[in-house]
Amino acid sequence: MFLNEVKNDFIYLEGVCDMQIFIFKCLMNAIFELILFSLLPLVFYIITKRTIKGFLAYIGLKKVTYIKSIKKIILLFLAAYSFNIIIIIIIDFSKINNVIESSFSEDDLGILFLILSILIYGFIQTGLSEEIFFRGFLAKRLISKIGYFYGNLIQAIIFGSLHYYSLSGASMEVRILQIITATIMGYYFCYINERKTNGSIVIGWIFHAITNILTVIIFLVL
């Protein structure tokens, strides 16, 4: 009896250690991606400005001093996100659901570690990293050169096109759908930053994180 209890405790501790290792790997992957997406903007800033001072403000990582039409922002987000989900389900829910479940599995991780891994993925690995590069760096540079509409549109198309590779194993139609929906959301995130706040990417980052977190949760639950 005692030996069985010890064995069960050992198996439990071994599982906890595996989960902790997984979370550590998730965090390291997120930090690596954050550094990777920030490197080009940082190098560009240092070369052009000859200083590192002011870099965070340059990429829009600054305090939000005002928000215009918060209700409109939320309604547009709900409309855009609902459109994305509806189209994905119409195409073939199972094709994208299987891809997401292969990355996040409650059976393997445990509910608390599952939630933590999704939060790391949503807020750091994708949300913050992509907002720094696409909206904080690329969009701002394009908008300053060719104006808001075309600058935002180009960065959104680039952002959406790169999502072709984000669902490994998905069918061609799902990948094309991913490009379309990511382009729409990319344009919306920049709209928030440049038209509804003071150029800060913080609100866009939060909505981006919410988008990715909700997507993963919906496909895991349904």
C-alpha atoms as a PDB file:
ATOM      1  CA  MET A   1       0.000   0.000   0.000  1.00  0.00           C
ATOM      2  CA  PHE A   2       2.737   2.421   0.988  1.00  0.00           C
ATOM      3  CA  LEU A   3       4.760   1.564  -2.122  1.00  0.00           C
ATOM      4  CA  ASN A   4       1.735   2.196  -4.333  1.00  0.00           C
ATOM      5  CA  GLU A   5       1.209   5.613  -2.752  1.00  0.00           C
ATOM      6  CA  VAL A   6       4.859   6.503  -3.284  1.00  0.00           C
ATOM      7  CA  LYS A   7       4.618   5.334  -6.898  1.00  0.00           C
ATOM      8  CA  ASN A   8       1.483   7.416  -7.485  1.00  0.00           C
ATOM      9  CA  ASP A   9       3.127  10.474  -5.927  1.00  0.00           C
ATOM     10  CA  PHE A  10       6.161  10.010  -8.140  1.00  0.00           C
ATOM     11  CA  ILE A  11       4.007   9.757 -11.264  1.00  0.00           C
ATOM     12  CA  TYR A  12       2.146  12.910 -10.215  1.00  0.00           C
ATOM     13  CA  LEU A  13       5.368  14.852  -9.584  1.00  0.00           C
ATOM     14  CA  GLU A  14       6.787  13.631 -12.873  1.00  0.00           C
ATOM     15  CA  GLY A  15       3.678  14.920 -14.658  1.00  0.00           C
ATOM     16  CA  VAL A  16       3.950  18.299 -12.930  1.00  0.00           C
ATOM     17  CA  CYS A  17       7.614  18.554 -13.937  1.00  0.00           C
ATOM     18  CA  ASP A  18       6.703  17.760 -17.548  1.00  0.00           C
ATOM     19  CA  MET A  19       4.075  20.508 -17.481  1.00  0.00           C
ATOM     20  CA  GLN A  20       6.515  22.996 -15.964  1.00  0.00           C
ATOM     21  CA  ILE A  21       9.036  22.154 -18.654  1.00  0.00           C
ATOM     22  CA  PHE A  22       6.356  22.665 -21.296  1.00  0.00           C
ATOM     23  CA  ILE A  23       5.407  26.078 -19.883  1.00  0.00           C
ATOM     24  CA  PHE A  24       9.085  27.033 -19.732  1.00  0.00           C
ATOM     25  CA  LYS A  25       9.454  26.076 -23.401  1.00  0.00           C
ATOM     26  CA  CYS A  26       6.338  28.106 -24.260  1.00  0.00           C
ATOM     27  CA  LEU A  27       7.779  31.113 -22.450  1.00  0.00           C
ATOM     28  CA  MET A  28      11.174  30.745 -24.118  1.00  0.00           C
ATOM     29  CA  ASN A  29       9.537  30.456 -27.555  1.00  0.00           C
ATOM     30  CA  ALA A  30       7.492  33.579 -26.813  1.00  0.00           C
ATOM     31  CA  ILE A  31      10.553  35.550 -25.683  1.00  0.00           C
ATOM     32  CA  PHE A  32      12.531  34.387 -28.722  1.00  0.00           C
ATOM     33  CA  GLU A  33       9.750  35.493 -31.070  1.00  0.00           C
ATOM     34  CA  LEU A  34       9.450  38.811 -29.243  1.00  0.00           C
ATOM     35  CA  ILE A  35      13.176  39.454 -29.669  1.00  0.00           C
ATOM     36  CA  LEU A  36      13.064  38.348 -33.298  1.00  0.00           C
ATOM     37  CA  PHE A  37      10.171  40.663 -34.191  1.00  0.00           C
ATOM     38  CA  SER A  38      11.745  43.577 -32.308  1.00  0.00           C
ATOM     39  CA  LEU A  39      15.242  43.229 -33.749  1.00  0.00           C
ATOM     40  CA  LEU A  40      14.684  44.822 -37.166  1.00  0.00           C
ATOM     41  CA  PRO A  41      12.775  47.835 -35.768  1.00  0.00           C
ATOM     42  CA  LEU A  42      15.514  48.323 -33.147  1.00  0.00           C
ATOM     43  CA  VAL A  43      18.353  48.121 -35.672  1.00  0.00           C
ATOM     44  CA  PHE A  44      16.521  50.459 -38.048  1.00  0.00           C
ATOM     45  CA  TYR A  45      15.900  52.940 -35.227  1.00  0.00           C
ATOM     46  CA  ILE A  46      19.513  52.907 -34.046  1.00  0.00           C
ATOM     47  CA  ILE A  47      20.809  53.432 -37.597  1.00  0.00           C
ATOM     48  CA  THR A  48      18.423  56.285 -38.407  1.00  0.00           C
ATOM     49  CA  LYS A  49      18.299  57.985 -35.017  1.00  0.00           C
ATOM     50  CA  ARG A  50      21.803  57.073 -33.797  1.00  0.00           C
ATOM     51  CA  THR A  51      20.423  56.422 -30.318  1.00  0.00           C
ATOM     52  CA  ILE A  52      18.304  53.876 -28.498  1.00  0.00           C
ATOM     53  CA  LYS A  53      16.503  56.516 -26.442  1.00  0.00           C
ATOM     54  CA  GLY A  54      12.852  56.867 -27.396  1.00  0.00           C
ATOM     55  CA  PHE A  55      12.631  53.485 -29.130  1.00  0.00           C
ATOM     56  CA  LEU A  56       9.581  52.282 -27.207  1.00  0.00           C
ATOM     57  CA  ALA A  57       7.600  55.392 -28.121  1.00  0.00           C
ATOM     58  CA  TYR A  58       8.829  55.017 -31.706  1.00  0.00           C
ATOM     59  CA  ILE A  59       7.145  51.603 -32.011  1.00  0.00           C
ATOM     60  CA  GLY A  60       4.044  52.724 -30.126  1.00  0.00           C
ATOM     61  CA  LEU A  61       4.741  51.079 -26.784  1.00  0.00           C
ATOM     62  CA  LYS A  62       3.618  54.085 -24.809  1.00  0.00           C
ATOM     63  CA  LYS A  63       0.848  55.128 -22.464  1.00  0.00           C
ATOM     64  CA  VAL A  64      -2.604  55.520 -23.967  1.00  0.00           C
ATOM     65  CA  THR A  65      -3.554  59.127 -23.233  1.00  0.00           C
ATOM     66  CA  TYR A  66      -7.007  58.981 -24.807  1.00  0.00           C
ATOM     67  CA  ILE A  67      -9.398  56.567 -26.506  1.00  0.00           C
ATOM     68  CA  LYS A  68     -11.963  57.782 -29.025  1.00  0.00           C
ATOM     69  CA  SER A  69     -15.343  56.025 -29.267  1.00  0.00           C
ATOM     70  CA  ILE A  70     -14.668  52.982 -27.098  1.00  0.00           C
ATOM     71  CA  LYS A  71     -18.127  51.589 -27.925  1.00  0.00           C
ATOM     72  CA  LYS A  72     -17.388  51.813 -31.641  1.00  0.00           C
ATOM     73  CA  ILE A  73     -14.049  50.059 -31.132  1.00  0.00           C
ATOM     74  CA  ILE A  74     -15.716  47.183 -29.282  1.00  0.00           C
ATOM     75  CA  LEU A  75     -18.574  46.870 -31.789  1.00  0.00           C
ATOM     76  CA  LEU A  76     -16.167  46.810 -34.727  1.00  0.00           C
ATOM     77  CA  PHE A  77     -14.072  44.186 -32.967  1.00  0.00           C
ATOM     78  CA  LEU A  78     -17.097  41.980 -32.321  1.00  0.00           C
ATOM     79  CA  ALA A  79     -18.231  42.362 -35.932  1.00  0.00           C
ATOM     80  CA  ALA A  80     -14.807  41.578 -37.387  1.00  0.00           C
ATOM     81  CA  TYR A  81     -14.164  38.669 -35.051  1.00  0.00           C
ATOM     82  CA  SER A  82     -17.638  37.187 -35.534  1.00  0.00           C
ATOM     83  CA  PHE A  83     -17.137  37.374 -39.291  1.00  0.00           C
ATOM     84  CA  ASN A  84     -13.871  35.477 -38.977  1.00  0.00           C
ATOM     85  CA  ILE A  85     -15.340  32.702 -36.839  1.00  0.00           C
ATOM     86  CA  ILE A  86     -18.444  32.279 -39.028  1.00  0.00           C
ATOM     87  CA  ILE A  87     -16.431  31.919 -42.222  1.00  0.00           C
ATOM     88  CA  ILE A  88     -13.999  29.468 -40.633  1.00  0.00           C
ATOM     89  CA  ILE A  89     -16.893  27.285 -39.459  1.00  0.00           C
ATOM     90  CA  ILE A  90     -18.550  27.439 -42.878  1.00  0.00           C
ATOM     91  CA  ILE A  91     -15.367  26.327 -44.659  1.00  0.00           C
ATOM     92  CA  ASP A  92     -14.754  23.284 -42.442  1.00  0.00           C
ATOM     93  CA  PHE A  93     -14.493  23.606 -38.683  1.00  0.00           C
ATOM     94  CA  SER A  94     -12.758  20.251 -38.222  1.00  0.00           C
ATOM     95  CA  LYS A  95      -9.844  21.097 -40.517  1.00  0.00           C
ATOM     96  CA  ILE A  96      -8.659  23.974 -38.353  1.00  0.00           C
ATOM     97  CA  ASN A  97      -9.833  22.432 -35.082  1.00  0.00           C
ATOM     98  CA  ASN A  98      -7.508  19.435 -35.515  1.00  0.00           C
ATOM     99  CA  VAL A  99      -4.533  21.706 -36.148  1.00  0.00           C
ATOM    100  CA  ILE A 100      -5.138  23.747 -32.976  1.00  0.00           C
ATOM    101  CA  GLU A 101      -5.779  20.667 -30.830  1.00  0.00           C
ATOM    102  CA  SER A 102      -2.411  19.275 -31.912  1.00  0.00           C
ATOM    103  CA  SER A 103      -0.742  22.298 -30.248  1.00  0.00           C
ATOM    104  CA  PHE A 104      -2.970  22.653 -27.180  1.00  0.00           C
ATOM    105  CA  SER A 105      -4.292  19.525 -25.445  1.00  0.00           C
ATOM    106  CA  GLU A 106      -5.985  19.635 -22.054  1.00  0.00           C
ATOM    107  CA  ASP A 107      -5.312  15.923 -21.513  1.00  0.00           C
ATOM    108  CA  ASP A 108      -1.577  16.446 -21.845  1.00  0.00           C
ATOM    109  CA  LEU A 109      -1.253  19.748 -19.974  1.00  0.00           C
ATOM    110  CA  GLY A 110      -3.877  19.994 -17.263  1.00  0.00           C
ATOM    111  CA  ILE A 111      -6.333  22.875 -17.198  1.00  0.00           C
ATOM    112  CA  LEU A 112      -4.179  25.425 -15.329  1.00  0.00           C
ATOM    113  CA  PHE A 113      -1.104  24.818 -17.456  1.00  0.00           C
ATOM    114  CA  LEU A 114      -3.311  24.847 -20.553  1.00  0.00           C
ATOM    115  CA  ILE A 115      -4.669  28.290 -19.641  1.00  0.00           C
ATOM    116  CA  LEU A 116      -1.180  29.595 -18.877  1.00  0.00           C
ATOM    117  CA  SER A 117       0.219  28.326 -22.176  1.00  0.00           C
ATOM    118  CA  ILE A 118      -2.651  29.954 -24.095  1.00  0.00           C
ATOM    119  CA  LEU A 119      -2.105  33.278 -22.282  1.00  0.00           C
ATOM    120  CA  ILE A 120       1.622  33.208 -23.085  1.00  0.00           C
ATOM    121  CA  TYR A 121       0.805  32.421 -26.701  1.00  0.00           C
ATOM    122  CA  GLY A 122      -1.845  35.121 -27.004  1.00  0.00           C
ATOM    123  CA  PHE A 123      -0.253  38.024 -25.137  1.00  0.00           C
ATOM    124  CA  ILE A 124       3.465  37.570 -25.817  1.00  0.00           C
ATOM    125  CA  GLN A 125       4.290  35.131 -28.606  1.00  0.00           C
ATOM    126  CA  THR A 126       1.748  36.441 -31.099  1.00  0.00           C
ATOM    127  CA  GLY A 127       0.014  39.545 -29.701  1.00  0.00           C
ATOM    128  CA  LEU A 128       2.944  41.656 -28.545  1.00  0.00           C
ATOM    129  CA  SER A 129       5.515  40.367 -31.041  1.00  0.00           C
ATOM    130  CA  GLU A 130       3.338  40.931 -34.097  1.00  0.00           C
ATOM    131  CA  GLU A 131       1.984  44.285 -32.931  1.00  0.00           C
ATOM    132  CA  ILE A 132       5.504  45.617 -32.398  1.00  0.00           C
ATOM    133  CA  PHE A 133       6.617  44.691 -35.900  1.00  0.00           C
ATOM    134  CA  PHE A 134       3.507  45.129 -38.052  1.00  0.00           C
ATOM    135  CA  ARG A 135       1.661  48.010 -36.378  1.00  0.00           C
ATOM    136  CA  GLY A 136       4.423  49.560 -34.291  1.00  0.00           C
ATOM    137  CA  PHE A 137       7.114  49.529 -36.981  1.00  0.00           C
ATOM    138  CA  LEU A 138       5.877  48.645 -40.481  1.00  0.00           C
ATOM    139  CA  ALA A 139       2.498  50.408 -40.421  1.00  0.00           C
ATOM    140  CA  LYS A 140       3.838  53.604 -38.873  1.00  0.00           C
ATOM    141  CA  ARG A 141       6.667  53.826 -41.405  1.00  0.00           C
ATOM    142  CA  LEU A 142       4.328  53.183 -44.348  1.00  0.00           C
ATOM    143  CA  ILE A 143       1.688  55.619 -43.090  1.00  0.00           C
ATOM    144  CA  SER A 144       4.300  58.352 -42.692  1.00  0.00           C
ATOM    145  CA  LYS A 145       5.349  57.835 -46.327  1.00  0.00           C
ATOM    146  CA  ILE A 146       2.147  57.090 -48.272  1.00  0.00           C
ATOM    147  CA  GLY A 147      -0.693  58.034 -45.934  1.00  0.00           C
ATOM    148  CA  TYR A 148      -2.988  56.216 -43.556  1.00  0.00           C
ATOM    149  CA  PHE A 149      -5.243  54.252 -45.907  1.00  0.00           C
ATOM    150  CA  TYR A 150      -2.619  52.752 -48.201  1.00  0.00           C
ATOM    151  CA  GLY A 151      -0.067  52.351 -45.428  1.00  0.00           C
ATOM    152  CA  ASN A 152      -2.540  50.470 -43.264  1.00  0.00           C
ATOM    153  CA  LEU A 153      -3.790  48.396 -46.182  1.00  0.00           C
ATOM    154  CA  ILE A 154      -0.299  47.305 -47.247  1.00  0.00           C
ATOM    155  CA  GLN A 155       0.793  46.295 -43.747  1.00  0.00           C
ATOM    156  CA  ALA A 156      -2.491  44.411 -43.273  1.00  0.00           C
ATOM    157  CA  ILE A 157      -2.013  42.483 -46.526  1.00  0.00           C
ATOM    158  CA  ILE A 158       1.564  41.600 -45.586  1.00  0.00           C
ATOM    159  CA  PHE A 159       0.426  40.590 -42.107  1.00  0.00           C
ATOM    160  CA  GLY A 160      -2.393  38.463 -43.496  1.00  0.00           C
ATOM    161  CA  SER A 161      -0.247  36.831 -46.184  1.00  0.00           C
ATOM    162  CA  LEU A 162       2.290  35.589 -43.648  1.00  0.00           C
ATOM    163  CA  HIS A 163      -0.534  33.782 -41.814  1.00  0.00           C
ATOM    164  CA  TYR A 164      -0.596  31.295 -44.683  1.00  0.00           C
ATOM    165  CA  TYR A 165       2.104  29.432 -42.768  1.00  0.00           C
ATOM    166  CA  SER A 166       0.508  29.704 -39.309  1.00  0.00           C
ATOM    167  CA  LEU A 167      -1.685  26.601 -39.596  1.00  0.00           C
ATOM    168  CA  SER A 168       0.665  23.776 -40.457  1.00  0.00           C
ATOM    169  CA  GLY A 169      -1.254  20.833 -41.900  1.00  0.00           C
ATOM    170  CA  ALA A 170      -4.393  22.823 -42.751  1.00  0.00           C
ATOM    171  CA  SER A 171      -5.986  22.607 -46.207  1.00  0.00           C
ATOM    172  CA  MET A 172      -5.442  25.223 -48.908  1.00  0.00           C
ATOM    173  CA  GLU A 173      -8.901  26.757 -48.509  1.00  0.00           C
ATOM    174  CA  VAL A 174      -8.391  27.141 -44.764  1.00  0.00           C
ATOM    175  CA  ARG A 175      -4.997  28.777 -45.353  1.00  0.00           C
ATOM    176  CA  ILE A 176      -6.538  31.235 -47.829  1.00  0.00           C
ATOM    177  CA  LEU A 177      -9.290  31.954 -45.327  1.00  0.00           C
ATOM    178  CA  GLN A 178      -6.653  32.583 -42.689  1.00  0.00           C
ATOM    179  CA  ILE A 179      -5.004  35.161 -44.965  1.00  0.00           C
ATOM    180  CA  ILE A 180      -8.310  36.987 -45.489  1.00  0.00           C
ATOM    181  CA  THR A 181      -9.332  37.037 -41.840  1.00  0.00           C
ATOM    182  CA  ALA A 182      -5.847  37.995 -40.597  1.00  0.00           C
ATOM    183  CA  THR A 183      -5.767  40.850 -43.127  1.00  0.00           C
ATOM    184  CA  ILE A 184      -9.093  42.169 -41.839  1.00  0.00           C
ATOM    185  CA  MET A 185      -7.963  41.973 -38.227  1.00  0.00           C
ATOM    186  CA  GLY A 186      -4.571  43.495 -39.066  1.00  0.00           C
ATOM    187  CA  TYR A 187      -6.274  46.503 -40.640  1.00  0.00           C
ATOM    188  CA  TYR A 188      -8.583  46.804 -37.633  1.00  0.00           C
ATOM    189  CA  PHE A 189      -5.726  46.698 -35.087  1.00  0.00           C
ATOM    190  CA  CYS A 190      -3.928  49.509 -36.911  1.00  0.00           C
ATOM    191  CA  TYR A 191      -7.177  51.474 -37.139  1.00  0.00           C
ATOM    192  CA  ILE A 192      -7.454  51.343 -33.349  1.00  0.00           C
ATOM    193  CA  ASN A 193      -3.870  52.493 -32.861  1.00  0.00           C
ATOM    194  CA  GLU A 194      -3.764  55.287 -35.397  1.00  0.00           C
ATOM    195  CA  ARG A 195      -7.351  56.559 -35.382  1.00  0.00           C
ATOM    196  CA  LYS A 196      -8.747  55.809 -31.941  1.00  0.00           C
ATOM    197  CA  THR A 197      -5.774  56.187 -29.601  1.00  0.00           C
ATOM    198  CA  ASN A 198      -2.695  58.406 -29.586  1.00  0.00           C
ATOM    199  CA  GLY A 199      -0.651  56.063 -31.775  1.00  0.00           C
ATOM    200  CA  SER A 200      -0.083  53.613 -28.937  1.00  0.00           C
ATOM    201  CA  ILE A 201      -0.157  49.935 -29.889  1.00  0.00           C
ATOM    202  CA  VAL A 202      -1.268  48.888 -26.396  1.00  0.00           C
ATOM    203  CA  ILE A 203      -5.011  48.706 -27.136  1.00  0.00           C
ATOM    204  CA  GLY A 204      -4.383  46.955 -30.450  1.00  0.00           C
ATOM    205  CA  TRP A 205      -2.100  44.529 -28.617  1.00  0.00           C
ATOM    206  CA  ILE A 206      -4.843  43.736 -26.079  1.00  0.00           C
ATOM    207  CA  PHE A 207      -7.453  43.129 -28.788  1.00  0.00           C
ATOM    208  CA  HIS A 208      -4.958  41.049 -30.774  1.00  0.00           C
ATOM    209  CA  ALA A 209      -4.258  38.896 -27.717  1.00  0.00           C
ATOM    210  CA  ILE A 210      -7.973  38.510 -27.015  1.00  0.00           C
ATOM    211  CA  THR A 211      -8.550  37.461 -30.635  1.00  0.00           C
ATOM    212  CA  ASN A 212      -5.933  34.713 -30.520  1.00  0.00           C
ATOM    213  CA  ILE A 213      -6.906  33.493 -27.051  1.00  0.00           C
ATOM    214  CA  LEU A 214     -10.608  33.308 -27.898  1.00  0.00           C
ATOM    215  CA  THR A 215      -9.858  31.495 -31.150  1.00  0.00           C
ATOM    216  CA  VAL A 216      -7.847  28.791 -29.418  1.00  0.00           C
ATOM    217  CA  ILE A 217     -10.419  28.397 -26.625  1.00  0.00           C
ATOM    218  CA  ILE A 218     -13.374  28.207 -29.030  1.00  0.00           C
ATOM    219  CA  PHE A 219     -11.750  25.504 -31.134  1.00  0.00           C
ATOM    220  CA  LEU A 220     -10.753  23.513 -28.075  1.00  0.00           C
ATOM    221  CA  VAL A 221     -14.190  23.666 -26.478  1.00  0.00           C
ATOM    222  CA  LEU A 222     -16.451  23.110 -29.514  1.00  0.00           C
END
